[in-house]
Amino acid sequence: MAAGIAFVLSFGLVPALLALLQLLGVYTIVTERSCQVYVLFGKVVAILDRPGLHFLVMRLGWKALVMRWLGRRYVLDMRVDQEYLRSNPVNSEEGAPMGIGIWYEMYISDPVAYLFKNTDPRGSLAANVSNSTVRCLSNLPLDEMLVNRHSMSQTVRAEVSPKSHEWGYKLGSISIRKVHFRDHEMIKQIESKVVNRLRQVTGAIKQDGVNRVSIIGSTAERQAAVEFAKAAAIRPRIVGAALQRIAKDQDVFTALFEVLETQRIIAGEARITLLPPGNHMLPELLAAGGEARRQPAPIPPKAPGH
């Protein structure tokens, strides 16, 4: 019985009693990274930004008991938020239409200013960032706009921060994420120029390789020709020195020239007539050959009637 009563009190009456006390405004709970602003009769009577349990009766007195019916409570999220603005139109110094994507963080720094100084502080901050981007980054050189993104981010942040703080929003980190061309015809022209430039560079590399190969080949041919010419000039001297050494022995010298003469006759494919030694037919054959050359050629007979 006692356990049942304790269970009912623990899980039924106690939560109901706490909910009733919170409904009456006796206490409230502030969560992490949040803020509660209490307004009564058009005046801000309390700002609770520290997380934990707060007793409104001790803080506001009798006003806490009528706050729910006569006043108003605003619960604000104090966590860091972020947003990305795409393709803000900017013209470069050369007149190229560019688009800049900018990413930034913001958080509520002054709850009262956030609630009552601007009806749409988030939209105003986005418009302020966009206008500052266009105002600060217009007419920059194209190469600087494509490369120096960090300095551009710092310029925009320095321009936006004072205005945003007046509306209760404080700007955190800001970064230029994307810089691109907005004109599609210009993009196609740039792509065409890049392709043509790559083709020119490729052709120049190929031509340079061909020229280098030609230089190496011509250099090798020249060196080979020089060496062959040296060899051709040295060959007669070597052959003459060898023949000079052979000529010292008459028998070897005679045998060598007979062999060389025989090789030249065989290589010439001439008709050779071999006669046995002591034969006397050679003078007669030479004489017969001479008489045959001296006799005139026979005249063919004329045909009848001529």
Protein backbone atom coordinates (compact mmCIF):
# COMPACT_ATOMS: atom_id res chain seq x y z
CA MET A 1 0.00 0.00 0.00
CA ALA A 2 2.78 2.41 0.96
CA ALA A 3 4.70 1.49 -2.19
CA GLY A 4 1.66 2.16 -4.35
CA ILE A 5 1.11 5.55 -2.74
CA ALA A 6 4.79 6.46 -3.24
CA PHE A 7 4.58 5.40 -6.87
CA VAL A 8 1.49 7.53 -7.50
CA LEU A 9 3.05 10.52 -5.77
CA SER A 10 6.36 10.15 -7.60
CA PHE A 11 5.06 9.62 -11.13
CA GLY A 12 1.70 11.33 -10.98
CA LEU A 13 1.24 14.12 -8.47
CA VAL A 14 4.77 15.50 -8.43
CA PRO A 15 5.02 16.06 -12.21
CA ALA A 16 1.51 17.51 -12.24
CA LEU A 17 2.41 19.86 -9.38
CA LEU A 18 5.61 21.00 -11.11
CA ALA A 19 3.74 21.59 -14.34
CA LEU A 20 1.16 23.67 -12.49
CA LEU A 21 3.83 25.75 -10.79
CA GLN A 22 5.56 26.36 -14.13
CA LEU A 23 2.18 27.26 -15.68
CA LEU A 24 1.56 29.79 -12.94
CA GLY A 25 4.97 31.31 -13.54
CA VAL A 26 6.63 30.33 -10.31
CA TYR A 27 9.75 29.00 -12.08
CA THR A 28 11.08 28.30 -15.58
CA ILE A 29 13.86 26.26 -17.14
CA VAL A 30 16.29 27.81 -19.61
CA THR A 31 17.98 25.29 -21.90
CA GLU A 32 21.51 25.47 -23.24
CA ARG A 33 22.14 28.18 -25.87
CA SER A 34 18.70 29.72 -25.49
CA CYS A 35 17.31 32.92 -24.05
CA GLN A 36 13.94 33.93 -22.59
CA VAL A 37 12.74 37.53 -22.75
CA TYR A 38 9.73 38.58 -20.61
CA VAL A 39 7.69 41.61 -21.65
CA LEU A 40 4.94 43.10 -19.49
CA PHE A 41 2.87 46.14 -20.48
CA GLY A 42 5.26 46.88 -23.35
CA LYS A 43 8.38 46.86 -21.19
CA VAL A 44 11.13 44.25 -20.95
CA VAL A 45 11.14 43.10 -17.33
CA ALA A 46 13.56 40.18 -17.46
CA ILE A 47 16.13 38.53 -19.74
CA LEU A 48 17.16 35.00 -18.79
CA ASP A 49 20.16 33.81 -20.84
CA ARG A 50 21.92 31.53 -18.32
CA PRO A 51 20.90 27.87 -18.63
CA GLY A 52 19.32 26.23 -15.60
CA LEU A 53 16.38 26.57 -13.20
CA HIS A 54 15.14 30.13 -12.53
CA PHE A 55 12.51 31.10 -9.93
CA LEU A 56 10.51 33.92 -11.47
CA VAL A 57 8.83 34.80 -8.20
CA MET A 58 12.19 35.73 -6.68
CA ARG A 59 13.22 37.57 -9.87
CA LEU A 60 9.97 39.38 -10.81
CA GLY A 61 7.89 39.24 -7.66
CA TRP A 62 4.11 39.53 -8.21
CA LYS A 63 4.69 40.16 -11.93
CA ALA A 64 5.60 36.48 -12.39
CA LEU A 65 2.04 35.42 -11.39
CA VAL A 66 0.36 37.59 -14.06
CA MET A 67 3.01 37.23 -16.76
CA ARG A 68 1.23 34.36 -18.49
CA TRP A 69 -2.04 36.29 -18.90
CA LEU A 70 -0.96 39.91 -19.16
CA GLY A 71 2.57 39.62 -20.51
CA ARG A 72 4.49 37.67 -23.10
CA ARG A 73 7.50 35.41 -23.10
CA TYR A 74 9.89 35.14 -26.10
CA VAL A 75 12.15 32.09 -26.38
CA LEU A 76 15.14 32.77 -28.64
CA ASP A 77 17.61 30.30 -30.08
CA MET A 78 21.13 31.63 -29.41
CA ARG A 79 22.97 28.95 -31.34
CA VAL A 80 25.18 29.80 -34.30
CA ASP A 81 23.30 29.65 -37.58
CA GLN A 82 24.62 29.78 -41.14
CA GLU A 83 23.40 30.75 -44.59
CA TYR A 84 24.69 30.67 -48.16
CA LEU A 85 23.87 33.38 -50.71
CA ARG A 86 24.29 32.12 -54.26
CA SER A 87 25.50 34.01 -57.32
CA ASN A 88 25.52 37.63 -56.21
CA PRO A 89 25.95 39.67 -59.42
CA VAL A 90 29.29 41.53 -59.54
CA ASN A 91 31.14 43.07 -62.48
CA SER A 92 34.91 42.84 -62.69
CA GLU A 93 37.20 45.69 -63.68
CA GLU A 94 37.31 44.31 -67.23
CA GLY A 95 33.49 44.31 -67.41
CA ALA A 96 33.00 40.56 -67.08
CA PRO A 97 29.69 39.62 -65.41
CA MET A 98 30.65 37.49 -62.41
CA GLY A 99 28.65 35.67 -59.75
CA ILE A 100 29.91 35.34 -56.16
CA GLY A 101 28.61 32.78 -53.69
CA ILE A 102 29.12 33.86 -50.09
CA TRP A 103 28.70 31.76 -46.94
CA TYR A 104 28.40 33.34 -43.51
CA GLU A 105 27.58 32.53 -39.87
CA MET A 106 25.47 34.61 -37.52
CA TYR A 107 24.06 34.44 -34.04
CA ILE A 108 21.87 36.60 -31.79
CA SER A 109 24.03 38.99 -29.77
CA ASP A 110 21.33 41.33 -28.35
CA PRO A 111 17.93 39.68 -27.73
CA VAL A 112 16.09 42.98 -27.21
CA ALA A 113 17.42 44.55 -30.40
CA TYR A 114 16.69 41.33 -32.28
CA LEU A 115 13.04 41.39 -31.15
CA PHE A 116 12.15 45.07 -31.37
CA LYS A 117 14.57 46.96 -33.67
CA ASN A 118 13.90 45.00 -36.86
CA THR A 119 10.89 42.98 -37.92
CA ASP A 120 13.03 40.66 -40.09
CA PRO A 121 16.63 40.77 -38.87
CA ARG A 122 17.62 37.57 -40.69
CA GLY A 123 16.39 38.86 -44.04
CA SER A 124 17.92 42.27 -43.39
CA LEU A 125 21.26 40.65 -42.60
CA ALA A 126 21.13 38.62 -45.83
CA ALA A 127 20.32 41.78 -47.81
CA ASN A 128 23.11 43.65 -46.03
CA VAL A 129 25.64 40.91 -46.82
CA SER A 130 24.53 40.79 -50.47
CA ASN A 131 24.68 44.59 -50.88
CA SER A 132 28.06 44.79 -49.16
CA THR A 133 29.39 42.03 -51.42
CA VAL A 134 28.27 43.88 -54.55
CA ARG A 135 29.49 47.24 -53.24
CA CYS A 136 32.92 46.08 -51.99
CA LEU A 137 33.84 43.56 -54.68
CA SER A 138 32.67 45.36 -57.82
CA ASN A 139 35.31 46.66 -60.24
CA LEU A 140 38.03 44.39 -58.88
CA PRO A 141 40.54 42.94 -61.38
CA LEU A 142 39.42 39.57 -62.67
CA ASP A 143 42.58 37.73 -61.60
CA GLU A 144 42.34 39.15 -58.08
CA MET A 145 38.66 38.22 -57.89
CA LEU A 146 39.44 34.62 -58.86
CA VAL A 147 42.42 34.21 -56.52
CA ASN A 148 42.26 36.47 -53.43
CA ARG A 149 39.11 35.14 -51.81
CA HIS A 150 40.34 35.51 -48.22
CA SER A 151 40.95 39.24 -48.52
CA MET A 152 37.54 39.69 -50.17
CA SER A 153 35.90 37.80 -47.31
CA GLN A 154 37.58 40.08 -44.75
CA THR A 155 36.48 43.17 -46.68
CA VAL A 156 32.84 42.10 -46.73
CA ARG A 157 32.90 41.14 -43.03
CA ALA A 158 34.33 44.52 -42.01
CA GLU A 159 31.57 46.24 -43.97
CA VAL A 160 28.67 44.16 -42.62
CA SER A 161 29.48 43.68 -38.93
CA PRO A 162 28.58 47.17 -37.52
CA LYS A 163 25.16 47.22 -39.20
CA SER A 164 24.26 43.69 -38.21
CA HIS A 165 25.09 44.32 -34.55
CA GLU A 166 22.59 47.19 -34.45
CA TRP A 167 19.82 44.69 -35.27
CA GLY A 168 20.86 42.20 -32.58
CA TYR A 169 22.60 39.89 -35.05
CA LYS A 170 26.35 39.45 -34.93
CA LEU A 171 28.16 38.17 -37.96
CA GLY A 172 30.59 35.31 -37.41
CA SER A 173 32.81 33.72 -40.01
CA ILE A 174 32.30 34.76 -43.62
CA SER A 175 33.79 33.12 -46.68
CA ILE A 176 33.70 33.56 -50.43
CA ARG A 177 32.96 30.03 -51.60
CA LYS A 178 32.43 30.34 -55.35
CA VAL A 179 33.34 32.84 -58.07
CA HIS A 180 31.95 32.03 -61.50
CA PHE A 181 30.96 33.59 -64.82
CA ARG A 182 27.26 34.36 -65.27
CA ASP A 183 27.29 34.77 -69.07
CA HIS A 184 27.00 31.39 -70.81
CA GLU A 185 28.37 32.74 -74.09
CA MET A 186 31.46 34.01 -72.29
CA ILE A 187 31.88 30.60 -70.66
CA LYS A 188 31.77 28.93 -74.08
CA GLN A 189 34.31 31.43 -75.47
CA ILE A 190 36.65 30.86 -72.54
CA GLU A 191 36.32 27.08 -72.95
CA SER A 192 37.09 27.43 -76.67
CA LYS A 193 40.14 29.59 -75.94
CA VAL A 194 41.37 27.14 -73.32
CA VAL A 195 40.95 24.21 -75.74
CA ASN A 196 42.78 26.09 -78.51
CA ARG A 197 45.55 27.04 -76.12
CA LEU A 198 45.92 23.44 -75.01
CA ARG A 199 46.11 22.36 -78.64
CA GLN A 200 48.79 24.99 -79.32
CA VAL A 201 50.80 23.89 -76.29
CA THR A 202 50.45 20.23 -77.30
CA GLY A 203 51.54 21.02 -80.86
CA ALA A 204 54.50 23.04 -79.58
CA ILE A 205 55.56 20.17 -77.31
CA LYS A 206 55.30 17.67 -80.17
CA GLN A 207 57.24 19.95 -82.53
CA ASP A 208 59.92 20.50 -79.90
CA GLY A 209 60.23 16.72 -79.52
CA VAL A 210 60.54 16.26 -83.28
CA ASN A 211 63.18 19.00 -83.44
CA ARG A 212 65.16 17.43 -80.62
CA VAL A 213 65.00 14.02 -82.31
CA SER A 214 66.12 15.58 -85.60
CA ILE A 215 69.03 17.33 -83.88
CA ILE A 216 70.09 14.10 -82.16
CA GLY A 217 69.77 12.12 -85.43
CA SER A 218 71.70 14.68 -87.49
CA THR A 219 74.39 14.88 -84.82
CA ALA A 220 74.73 11.09 -84.79
CA GLU A 221 74.88 10.98 -88.61
CA ARG A 222 77.52 13.70 -88.69
CA GLN A 223 79.66 11.94 -86.11
CA ALA A 224 79.25 8.63 -87.98
CA ALA A 225 80.23 10.30 -91.28
CA VAL A 226 83.31 11.78 -89.64
CA GLU A 227 84.33 8.40 -88.24
CA PHE A 228 83.70 6.65 -91.59
CA ALA A 229 85.77 9.31 -93.37
CA LYS A 230 88.58 8.77 -90.87
CA ALA A 231 88.36 5.03 -91.45
CA ALA A 232 88.40 5.52 -95.25
CA ALA A 233 91.47 7.74 -94.92
CA ILE A 234 93.28 5.31 -92.64
CA ARG A 235 92.51 2.18 -94.77
CA PRO A 236 95.03 2.91 -97.60
CA ARG A 237 97.77 3.56 -95.08
CA ILE A 238 97.03 0.29 -93.26
CA VAL A 239 96.84 -1.66 -96.54
CA GLY A 240 100.06 -0.02 -97.83
CA ALA A 241 101.90 -0.85 -94.61
CA ALA A 242 100.71 -4.47 -94.83
CA LEU A 243 101.81 -4.79 -98.49
CA GLN A 244 105.13 -3.25 -97.59
CA ARG A 245 105.68 -5.91 -94.96
CA ILE A 246 104.59 -8.67 -97.42
CA ALA A 247 106.91 -7.36 -100.17
CA LYS A 248 109.93 -8.13 -98.03
CA ASP A 249 109.35 -11.83 -98.82
CA GLN A 250 109.30 -12.17 -102.64
CA ASP A 251 107.70 -15.63 -102.72
CA VAL A 252 104.83 -14.59 -100.46
CA PHE A 253 104.42 -11.37 -102.45
CA THR A 254 104.19 -13.24 -105.79
CA ALA A 255 101.78 -15.86 -104.40
CA LEU A 256 99.53 -13.16 -102.92
CA PHE A 257 99.20 -11.25 -106.17
CA GLU A 258 98.54 -14.43 -108.12
CA VAL A 259 95.74 -15.30 -105.70
CA LEU A 260 94.34 -11.77 -105.98
CA GLU A 261 94.51 -11.89 -109.77
CA THR A 262 92.75 -15.25 -109.82
CA GLN A 263 90.01 -13.92 -107.50
CA ARG A 264 89.42 -10.89 -109.76
CA ILE A 265 89.23 -13.10 -112.87
CA ILE A 266 86.73 -15.41 -111.21
CA ALA A 267 84.69 -12.49 -109.90
CA GLY A 268 84.62 -10.91 -113.37
CA GLU A 269 82.81 -13.97 -114.92
CA ALA A 270 84.96 -13.76 -118.10
CA ARG A 271 85.31 -16.69 -120.58
CA ILE A 272 88.59 -18.46 -120.00
CA THR A 273 90.31 -20.86 -122.40
CA LEU A 274 92.82 -23.18 -120.73
CA LEU A 275 95.59 -24.69 -122.91
CA PRO A 276 98.01 -27.35 -121.74
CA PRO A 277 101.58 -26.25 -121.39
CA GLY A 278 103.81 -26.73 -124.51
CA ASN A 279 100.87 -26.49 -126.93
CA HIS A 280 101.53 -24.52 -130.21
CA MET A 281 97.86 -23.91 -131.05
CA LEU A 282 97.75 -20.47 -129.40
CA PRO A 283 99.57 -18.59 -132.26
CA GLU A 284 97.36 -20.24 -134.87
CA LEU A 285 94.15 -19.36 -132.96
CA LEU A 286 95.25 -15.76 -132.59
CA ALA A 287 96.15 -15.55 -136.27
CA ALA A 288 92.83 -17.08 -137.30
CA GLY A 289 90.97 -14.64 -135.11
CA GLY A 290 92.84 -11.72 -136.72
CA GLU A 291 92.09 -12.81 -140.31
CA ALA A 292 88.40 -13.31 -139.49
CA ARG A 293 88.21 -9.73 -138.23
CA ARG A 294 89.94 -8.39 -141.39
CA GLN A 295 87.62 -10.12 -143.91
CA PRO A 296 84.64 -7.99 -144.99
CA ALA A 297 81.17 -9.17 -144.33
CA PRO A 298 79.47 -10.98 -147.28
CA ILE A 299 77.05 -8.89 -149.36
CA PRO A 300 73.65 -10.48 -149.73
CA PRO A 301 72.55 -11.13 -153.39
CA LYS A 302 70.14 -8.73 -154.95
CA ALA A 303 66.65 -9.81 -155.72
CA PRO A 304 65.71 -10.27 -159.46
CA GLY A 305 64.40 -7.17 -161.15
CA HIS A 306 66.63 -4.71 -159.37
